[in-house]
PDB file of N, CA and C in Angstrom:
ATOM      1  N   MET A   1       0.849  -1.176   0.000  1.00  0.00           N
ATOM      2  CA  MET A   1       0.000   0.000   0.000  1.00  0.00           C
ATOM      3  C   MET A   1       0.898   1.244   0.000  1.00  0.00           C
ATOM      4  N   ILE A   2       0.552   2.229  -0.773  1.00  0.00           N
ATOM      5  CA  ILE A   2       1.310   3.467  -0.853  1.00  0.00           C
ATOM      6  C   ILE A   2       1.196   4.201   0.476  1.00  0.00           C
ATOM      7  N   PRO A   3       2.325   4.767   0.995  1.00  0.00           N
ATOM      8  CA  PRO A   3       2.276   5.420   2.305  1.00  0.00           C
ATOM      9  C   PRO A   3       1.203   6.493   2.410  1.00  0.00           C
ATOM     10  N   LEU A   4       0.997   7.295   1.375  1.00  0.00           N
ATOM     11  CA  LEU A   4      -0.010   8.350   1.426  1.00  0.00           C
ATOM     12  C   LEU A   4      -1.398   7.762   1.605  1.00  0.00           C
ATOM     13  N   LYS A   5      -1.697   6.704   0.880  1.00  0.00           N
ATOM     14  CA  LYS A   5      -3.004   6.064   1.019  1.00  0.00           C
ATOM     15  C   LYS A   5      -3.149   5.420   2.391  1.00  0.00           C
ATOM     16  N   ARG A   6      -2.073   4.860   2.908  1.00  0.00           N
ATOM     17  CA  ARG A   6      -2.124   4.249   4.237  1.00  0.00           C
ATOM     18  C   ARG A   6      -2.405   5.316   5.281  1.00  0.00           C
ATOM     19  N   ASN A   7      -1.746   6.474   5.179  1.00  0.00           N
ATOM     20  CA  ASN A   7      -1.985   7.567   6.122  1.00  0.00           C
ATOM     21  C   ASN A   7      -3.421   8.051   6.019  1.00  0.00           C
ATOM     22  N   TRP A   8      -3.928   8.165   4.808  1.00  0.00           N
ATOM     23  CA  TRP A   8      -5.309   8.600   4.590  1.00  0.00           C
ATOM     24  C   TRP A   8      -6.264   7.620   5.253  1.00  0.00           C
ATOM     25  N   LEU A   9      -5.996   6.343   5.093  1.00  0.00           N
ATOM     26  CA  LEU A   9      -6.841   5.314   5.691  1.00  0.00           C
ATOM     27  C   LEU A   9      -6.834   5.422   7.213  1.00  0.00           C
ATOM     28  N   ILE A  10      -5.677   5.665   7.797  1.00  0.00           N
ATOM     29  CA  ILE A  10      -5.564   5.815   9.251  1.00  0.00           C
ATOM     30  C   ILE A  10      -6.396   7.000   9.721  1.00  0.00           C
ATOM     31  N   VAL A  11      -6.332   8.108   8.989  1.00  0.00           N
ATOM     32  CA  VAL A  11      -7.097   9.299   9.362  1.00  0.00           C
ATOM     33  C   VAL A  11      -8.587   9.006   9.315  1.00  0.00           C
ATOM     34  N   ILE A  12      -9.047   8.384   8.252  1.00  0.00           N
ATOM     35  CA  ILE A  12     -10.472   8.099   8.103  1.00  0.00           C
ATOM     36  C   ILE A  12     -10.960   7.141   9.191  1.00  0.00           C
ATOM     37  N   VAL A  13     -10.189   6.111   9.474  1.00  0.00           N
ATOM     38  CA  VAL A  13     -10.581   5.155  10.515  1.00  0.00           C
ATOM     39  C   VAL A  13     -10.622   5.847  11.868  1.00  0.00           C
ATOM     40  N   THR A  14      -9.631   6.696  12.135  1.00  0.00           N
ATOM     41  CA  THR A  14      -9.604   7.428  13.402  1.00  0.00           C
ATOM     42  C   THR A  14     -10.822   8.328  13.532  1.00  0.00           C
ATOM     43  N   MET A  15     -11.168   9.017  12.442  1.00  0.00           N
ATOM     44  CA  MET A  15     -12.346   9.886  12.475  1.00  0.00           C
ATOM     45  C   MET A  15     -13.604   9.074  12.734  1.00  0.00           C
ATOM     46  N   ALA A  16     -13.706   7.928  12.092  1.00  0.00           N
ATOM     47  CA  ALA A  16     -14.897   7.092  12.266  1.00  0.00           C
ATOM     48  C   ALA A  16     -15.012   6.592  13.707  1.00  0.00           C
ATOM     49  N   LEU A  17     -13.891   6.216  14.299  1.00  0.00           N
ATOM     50  CA  LEU A  17     -13.919   5.678  15.658  1.00  0.00           C
ATOM     51  C   LEU A  17     -14.169   6.751  16.707  1.00  0.00           C
ATOM     52  N   THR A  18     -13.611   7.940  16.509  1.00  0.00           N
ATOM     53  CA  THR A  18     -13.756   8.982  17.518  1.00  0.00           C
ATOM     54  C   THR A  18     -14.954   9.878  17.266  1.00  0.00           C
ATOM     55  N   GLY A  19     -15.432   9.948  16.039  1.00  0.00           N
ATOM     56  CA  GLY A  19     -16.539  10.835  15.721  1.00  0.00           C
ATOM     57  C   GLY A  19     -17.838  10.440  16.388  1.00  0.00           C
ATOM     58  N   CYS A  20     -18.030   9.176  16.636  1.00  0.00           N
ATOM     59  CA  CYS A  20     -19.274   8.692  17.233  1.00  0.00           C
ATOM     60  C   CYS A  20     -19.118   8.352  18.708  1.00  0.00           C
ATOM     61  N   ALA A  21     -17.981   8.683  19.275  1.00  0.00           N
ATOM     62  CA  ALA A  21     -17.736   8.346  20.673  1.00  0.00           C
ATOM     63  C   ALA A  21     -18.663   9.121  21.588  1.00  0.00           C
ATOM     64  N   ALA A  22     -19.100   8.477  22.621  1.00  0.00           N
ATOM     65  CA  ALA A  22     -19.978   9.123  23.603  1.00  0.00           C
ATOM     66  C   ALA A  22     -19.160   9.519  24.816  1.00  0.00           C
ATOM     67  N   GLN A  23     -19.617  10.556  25.494  1.00  0.00           N
ATOM     68  CA  GLN A  23     -18.981  10.973  26.737  1.00  0.00           C
ATOM     69  C   GLN A  23     -19.955  10.702  27.872  1.00  0.00           C
ATOM     70  N   MET A  24     -19.404  10.457  29.039  1.00  0.00           N
ATOM     71  CA  MET A  24     -20.258  10.175  30.181  1.00  0.00           C
ATOM     72  C   MET A  24     -21.015  11.431  30.583  1.00  0.00           C
ATOM     73  N   GLY A  25     -22.247  11.247  31.029  1.00  0.00           N
ATOM     74  CA  GLY A  25     -23.095  12.359  31.464  1.00  0.00           C
ATOM     75  C   GLY A  25     -22.644  12.909  32.796  1.00  0.00           C
ATOM     76  N   SER A  26     -23.494  13.661  33.426  1.00  0.00           N
ATOM     77  CA  SER A  26     -23.138  14.356  34.669  1.00  0.00           C
ATOM     78  C   SER A  26     -23.367  13.470  35.891  1.00  0.00           C
ATOM     79  N   GLY A  27     -22.710  12.322  35.932  1.00  0.00           N
ATOM     80  CA  GLY A  27     -22.762  11.481  37.110  1.00  0.00           C
ATOM     81  C   GLY A  27     -23.941  10.527  37.163  1.00  0.00           C
ATOM     82  N   GLU A  28     -24.868  10.599  36.234  1.00  0.00           N
ATOM     83  CA  GLU A  28     -26.022   9.728  36.274  1.00  0.00           C
ATOM     84  C   GLU A  28     -25.814   8.468  35.431  1.00  0.00           C
ATOM     85  N   GLY A  29     -24.622   8.343  34.857  1.00  0.00           N
ATOM     86  CA  GLY A  29     -24.327   7.153  34.066  1.00  0.00           C
ATOM     87  C   GLY A  29     -24.879   7.204  32.651  1.00  0.00           C
ATOM     88  N   GLU A  30     -25.451   8.338  32.265  1.00  0.00           N
ATOM     89  CA  GLU A  30     -25.989   8.450  30.915  1.00  0.00           C
ATOM     90  C   GLU A  30     -24.891   8.861  29.949  1.00  0.00           C
ATOM     91  N   ALA A  31     -24.926   8.283  28.765  1.00  0.00           N
ATOM     92  CA  ALA A  31     -23.976   8.677  27.730  1.00  0.00           C
ATOM     93  C   ALA A  31     -24.597   9.796  26.912  1.00  0.00           C
ATOM     94  N   THR A  32     -23.844  10.868  26.731  1.00  0.00           N
ATOM     95  CA  THR A  32     -24.320  11.977  25.911  1.00  0.00           C
ATOM     96  C   THR A  32     -23.291  12.274  24.842  1.00  0.00           C
ATOM     97  N   THR A  33     -23.744  12.805  23.728  1.00  0.00           N
ATOM     98  CA  THR A  33     -22.813  13.194  22.677  1.00  0.00           C
ATOM     99  C   THR A  33     -22.646  14.699  22.711  1.00  0.00           C
ATOM    100  N   THR A  34     -21.529  15.169  22.183  1.00  0.00           N
ATOM    101  CA  THR A  34     -21.279  16.594  22.151  1.00  0.00           C
ATOM    102  C   THR A  34     -21.753  17.172  20.835  1.00  0.00           C
ATOM    103  N   ASP A  35     -22.125  18.443  20.853  1.00  0.00           N
ATOM    104  CA  ASP A  35     -22.585  19.115  19.642  1.00  0.00           C
ATOM    105  C   ASP A  35     -21.437  19.567  18.761  1.00  0.00           C
ATOM    106  N   SER A  36     -20.290  19.857  19.338  1.00  0.00           N
ATOM    107  CA  SER A  36     -19.164  20.327  18.541  1.00  0.00           C
ATOM    108  C   SER A  36     -18.064  19.270  18.525  1.00  0.00           C
ATOM    109  N   PRO A  37     -17.415  19.088  17.372  1.00  0.00           N
ATOM    110  CA  PRO A  37     -16.353  18.089  17.282  1.00  0.00           C
ATOM    111  C   PRO A  37     -15.130  18.518  18.092  1.00  0.00           C
ATOM    112  N   SER A  38     -14.397  17.550  18.577  1.00  0.00           N
ATOM    113  CA  SER A  38     -13.194  17.853  19.345  1.00  0.00           C
ATOM    114  C   SER A  38     -12.120  18.415  18.418  1.00  0.00           C
ATOM    115  N   ILE A  39     -11.116  19.015  19.012  1.00  0.00           N
ATOM    116  CA  ILE A  39     -10.011  19.576  18.225  1.00  0.00           C
ATOM    117  C   ILE A  39      -9.333  18.464  17.421  1.00  0.00           C
ATOM    118  N   GLY A  40      -9.195  17.296  18.024  1.00  0.00           N
ATOM    119  CA  GLY A  40      -8.581  16.171  17.312  1.00  0.00           C
ATOM    120  C   GLY A  40      -9.378  15.777  16.082  1.00  0.00           C
ATOM    121  N   ASN A  41     -10.699  15.740  16.207  1.00  0.00           N
ATOM    122  CA  ASN A  41     -11.544  15.404  15.057  1.00  0.00           C
ATOM    123  C   ASN A  41     -11.472  16.486  13.992  1.00  0.00           C
ATOM    124  N   GLN A  42     -11.425  17.745  14.412  1.00  0.00           N
ATOM    125  CA  GLN A  42     -11.320  18.831  13.450  1.00  0.00           C
ATOM    126  C   GLN A  42     -10.010  18.740  12.674  1.00  0.00           C
ATOM    127  N   MET A  43      -8.917  18.458  13.385  1.00  0.00           N
ATOM    128  CA  MET A  43      -7.621  18.353  12.727  1.00  0.00           C
ATOM    129  C   MET A  43      -7.573  17.137  11.796  1.00  0.00           C
ATOM    130  N   ALA A  44      -8.168  16.033  12.231  1.00  0.00           N
ATOM    131  CA  ALA A  44      -8.201  14.838  11.387  1.00  0.00           C
ATOM    132  C   ALA A  44      -9.011  15.097  10.129  1.00  0.00           C
ATOM    133  N   GLY A  45     -10.122  15.807  10.279  1.00  0.00           N
ATOM    134  CA  GLY A  45     -10.937  16.149   9.117  1.00  0.00           C
ATOM    135  C   GLY A  45     -10.196  17.063   8.160  1.00  0.00           C
ATOM    136  N   LYS A  46      -9.484  18.035   8.709  1.00  0.00           N
ATOM    137  CA  LYS A  46      -8.710  18.954   7.861  1.00  0.00           C
ATOM    138  C   LYS A  46      -7.607  18.193   7.138  1.00  0.00           C
ATOM    139  N   LEU A  47      -6.917  17.318   7.843  1.00  0.00           N
ATOM    140  CA  LEU A  47      -5.855  16.537   7.224  1.00  0.00           C
ATOM    141  C   LEU A  47      -6.408  15.677   6.100  1.00  0.00           C
ATOM    142  N   ALA A  48      -7.524  15.021   6.345  1.00  0.00           N
ATOM    143  CA  ALA A  48      -8.128  14.173   5.313  1.00  0.00           C
ATOM    144  C   ALA A  48      -8.530  15.008   4.102  1.00  0.00           C
ATOM    145  N   ALA A  49      -9.142  16.162   4.341  1.00  0.00           N
ATOM    146  CA  ALA A  49      -9.556  17.021   3.228  1.00  0.00           C
ATOM    147  C   ALA A  49      -8.358  17.493   2.429  1.00  0.00           C
ATOM    148  N   CYS A  50      -7.299  17.882   3.105  1.00  0.00           N
ATOM    149  CA  CYS A  50      -6.127  18.401   2.409  1.00  0.00           C
ATOM    150  C   CYS A  50      -5.389  17.303   1.645  1.00  0.00           C
ATOM    151  N   LEU A  51      -5.492  16.069   2.106  1.00  0.00           N
ATOM    152  CA  LEU A  51      -4.890  14.959   1.365  1.00  0.00           C
ATOM    153  C   LEU A  51      -5.722  14.593   0.139  1.00  0.00           C
ATOM    154  N   LEU A  52      -7.022  14.781   0.223  1.00  0.00           N
ATOM    155  CA  LEU A  52      -7.911  14.361  -0.856  1.00  0.00           C
ATOM    156  C   LEU A  52      -8.072  15.385  -1.965  1.00  0.00           C
ATOM    157  N   PHE A  53      -8.060  16.665  -1.631  1.00  0.00           N
ATOM    158  CA  PHE A  53      -8.377  17.692  -2.612  1.00  0.00           C
ATOM    159  C   PHE A  53      -7.130  18.382  -3.125  1.00  0.00           C
ATOM    160  N   ASP A  54      -7.027  18.493  -4.425  1.00  0.00           N
ATOM    161  CA  ASP A  54      -5.929  19.176  -5.093  1.00  0.00           C
ATOM    162  C   ASP A  54      -6.488  20.343  -5.897  1.00  0.00           C
ATOM    163  N   PRO A  55      -5.626  21.314  -6.217  1.00  0.00           N
ATOM    164  CA  PRO A  55      -6.080  22.397  -7.086  1.00  0.00           C
ATOM    165  C   PRO A  55      -6.526  21.844  -8.442  1.00  0.00           C
ATOM    166  N   ILE A  56      -7.464  22.536  -9.051  1.00  0.00           N
ATOM    167  CA  ILE A  56      -8.023  22.134 -10.342  1.00  0.00           C
ATOM    168  C   ILE A  56      -7.473  23.070 -11.415  1.00  0.00           C
ATOM    169  N   SER A  57      -7.201  22.529 -12.571  1.00  0.00           N
ATOM    170  CA  SER A  57      -6.764  23.363 -13.693  1.00  0.00           C
ATOM    171  C   SER A  57      -7.922  23.536 -14.669  1.00  0.00           C
ATOM    172  N   TRP A  58      -7.791  24.486 -15.571  1.00  0.00           N
ATOM    173  CA  TRP A  58      -8.830  24.735 -16.564  1.00  0.00           C
ATOM    174  C   TRP A  58      -8.188  24.875 -17.937  1.00  0.00           C
ATOM    175  N   SER A  59      -9.023  24.849 -18.943  1.00  0.00           N
ATOM    176  CA  SER A  59      -8.528  24.991 -20.311  1.00  0.00           C
ATOM    177  C   SER A  59      -9.203  26.186 -20.978  1.00  0.00           C
ATOM    178  N   ALA A  60      -8.724  26.522 -22.143  1.00  0.00           N
ATOM    179  CA  ALA A  60      -9.298  27.633 -22.903  1.00  0.00           C
ATOM    180  C   ALA A  60     -10.736  27.332 -23.325  1.00  0.00           C
ATOM    181  N   LYS A  61     -11.114  26.067 -23.340  1.00  0.00           N
ATOM    182  CA  LYS A  61     -12.476  25.671 -23.729  1.00  0.00           C
ATOM    183  C   LYS A  61     -13.502  25.919 -22.622  1.00  0.00           C
ATOM    184  N   ASP A  62     -13.038  26.102 -21.381  1.00  0.00           N
ATOM    185  CA  ASP A  62     -13.963  26.321 -20.265  1.00  0.00           C
ATOM    186  C   ASP A  62     -14.599  27.701 -20.354  1.00  0.00           C
ATOM    187  N   THR A  63     -15.808  27.803 -19.810  1.00  0.00           N
ATOM    188  CA  THR A  63     -16.509  29.087 -19.789  1.00  0.00           C
ATOM    189  C   THR A  63     -15.922  29.986 -18.704  1.00  0.00           C
ATOM    190  N   ASP A  64     -16.227  31.262 -18.794  1.00  0.00           N
ATOM    191  CA  ASP A  64     -15.764  32.203 -17.772  1.00  0.00           C
ATOM    192  C   ASP A  64     -16.286  31.818 -16.391  1.00  0.00           C
ATOM    193  N   GLN A  65     -17.525  31.355 -16.312  1.00  0.00           N
ATOM    194  CA  GLN A  65     -18.116  30.949 -15.037  1.00  0.00           C
ATOM    195  C   GLN A  65     -17.367  29.749 -14.457  1.00  0.00           C
ATOM    196  N   THR A  66     -17.045  28.785 -15.305  1.00  0.00           N
ATOM    197  CA  THR A  66     -16.308  27.605 -14.836  1.00  0.00           C
ATOM    198  C   THR A  66     -14.930  28.000 -14.322  1.00  0.00           C
ATOM    199  N   ILE A  67     -14.242  28.857 -15.048  1.00  0.00           N
ATOM    200  CA  ILE A  67     -12.910  29.305 -14.622  1.00  0.00           C
ATOM    201  C   ILE A  67     -13.010  30.056 -13.299  1.00  0.00           C
ATOM    202  N   PHE A  68     -14.020  30.898 -13.161  1.00  0.00           N
ATOM    203  CA  PHE A  68     -14.231  31.623 -11.903  1.00  0.00           C
ATOM    204  C   PHE A  68     -14.416  30.651 -10.744  1.00  0.00           C
ATOM    205  N   GLU A  69     -15.247  29.639 -10.929  1.00  0.00           N
ATOM    206  CA  GLU A  69     -15.505  28.665  -9.868  1.00  0.00           C
ATOM    207  C   GLU A  69     -14.264  27.841  -9.542  1.00  0.00           C
ATOM    208  N   ILE A  70     -13.480  27.498 -10.550  1.00  0.00           N
ATOM    209  CA  ILE A  70     -12.238  26.759 -10.315  1.00  0.00           C
ATOM    210  C   ILE A  70     -11.266  27.609  -9.509  1.00  0.00           C
ATOM    211  N   LYS A  71     -11.127  28.880  -9.882  1.00  0.00           N
ATOM    212  CA  LYS A  71     -10.226  29.767  -9.141  1.00  0.00           C
ATOM    213  C   LYS A  71     -10.681  29.922  -7.692  1.00  0.00           C
ATOM    214  N   ARG A  72     -11.990  30.032  -7.482  1.00  0.00           N
ATOM    215  CA  ARG A  72     -12.525  30.141  -6.122  1.00  0.00           C
ATOM    216  C   ARG A  72     -12.215  28.867  -5.327  1.00  0.00           C
ATOM    217  N   HIS A  73     -12.405  27.712  -5.954  1.00  0.00           N
ATOM    218  CA  HIS A  73     -12.088  26.425  -5.312  1.00  0.00           C
ATOM    219  C   HIS A  73     -10.610  26.376  -4.937  1.00  0.00           C
ATOM    220  N   ASN A  74      -9.746  26.735  -5.867  1.00  0.00           N
ATOM    221  CA  ASN A  74      -8.304  26.689  -5.625  1.00  0.00           C
ATOM    222  C   ASN A  74      -7.884  27.650  -4.518  1.00  0.00           C
ATOM    223  N   GLN A  75      -8.520  28.826  -4.436  1.00  0.00           N
ATOM    224  CA  GLN A  75      -8.212  29.773  -3.366  1.00  0.00           C
ATOM    225  C   GLN A  75      -8.571  29.184  -2.004  1.00  0.00           C
ATOM    226  N   LYS A  76      -9.676  28.467  -1.942  1.00  0.00           N
ATOM    227  CA  LYS A  76     -10.085  27.840  -0.678  1.00  0.00           C
ATOM    228  C   LYS A  76      -9.066  26.792  -0.246  1.00  0.00           C
ATOM    229  N   ILE A  77      -8.556  26.029  -1.188  1.00  0.00           N
ATOM    230  CA  ILE A  77      -7.545  25.018  -0.852  1.00  0.00           C
ATOM    231  C   ILE A  77      -6.286  25.694  -0.323  1.00  0.00           C
ATOM    232  N   VAL A  78      -5.865  26.774  -0.986  1.00  0.00           N
ATOM    233  CA  VAL A  78      -4.654  27.486  -0.537  1.00  0.00           C
ATOM    234  C   VAL A  78      -4.836  28.002   0.889  1.00  0.00           C
ATOM    235  N   ARG A  79      -5.985  28.610   1.174  1.00  0.00           N
ATOM    236  CA  ARG A  79      -6.239  29.150   2.515  1.00  0.00           C
ATOM    237  C   ARG A  79      -6.375  28.043   3.552  1.00  0.00           C
ATOM    238  N   TYR A  80      -7.093  26.993   3.219  1.00  0.00           N
ATOM    239  CA  TYR A  80      -7.394  25.941   4.192  1.00  0.00           C
ATOM    240  C   TYR A  80      -6.212  25.009   4.423  1.00  0.00           C
ATOM    241  N   CYS A  81      -5.513  24.659   3.357  1.00  0.00           N
ATOM    242  CA  CYS A  81      -4.473  23.630   3.448  1.00  0.00           C
ATOM    243  C   CYS A  81      -3.049  24.190   3.353  1.00  0.00           C
ATOM    244  N   ASP A  82      -2.907  25.465   3.171  1.00  0.00           N
ATOM    245  CA  ASP A  82      -1.572  26.078   3.028  1.00  0.00           C
ATOM    246  C   ASP A  82      -0.797  25.443   1.874  1.00  0.00           C
ATOM    247  N   LYS A  83      -1.497  25.134   0.783  1.00  0.00           N
ATOM    248  CA  LYS A  83      -0.808  24.538  -0.381  1.00  0.00           C
ATOM    249  C   LYS A  83      -0.296  25.625  -1.277  1.00  0.00           C
TER     250      LYS A  83
END
């Protein structure tokens, strides 16, 4: 298995295992879930997204609207993933 794919798989499995984890309630033994993801889950999600998404290129055949949307997509990747 290619190391990049193996790392991606580890991230996804980790997200799946921790994303649905329950936390103990306030002493009554009830399991409750949190509304906001933990910092670890947020970082794992960001890492997975940055590994999966690459900048998109365009050609002279594309419309102005398509080129605009591609540039907007690529700007988001640069800001989010520091690529």
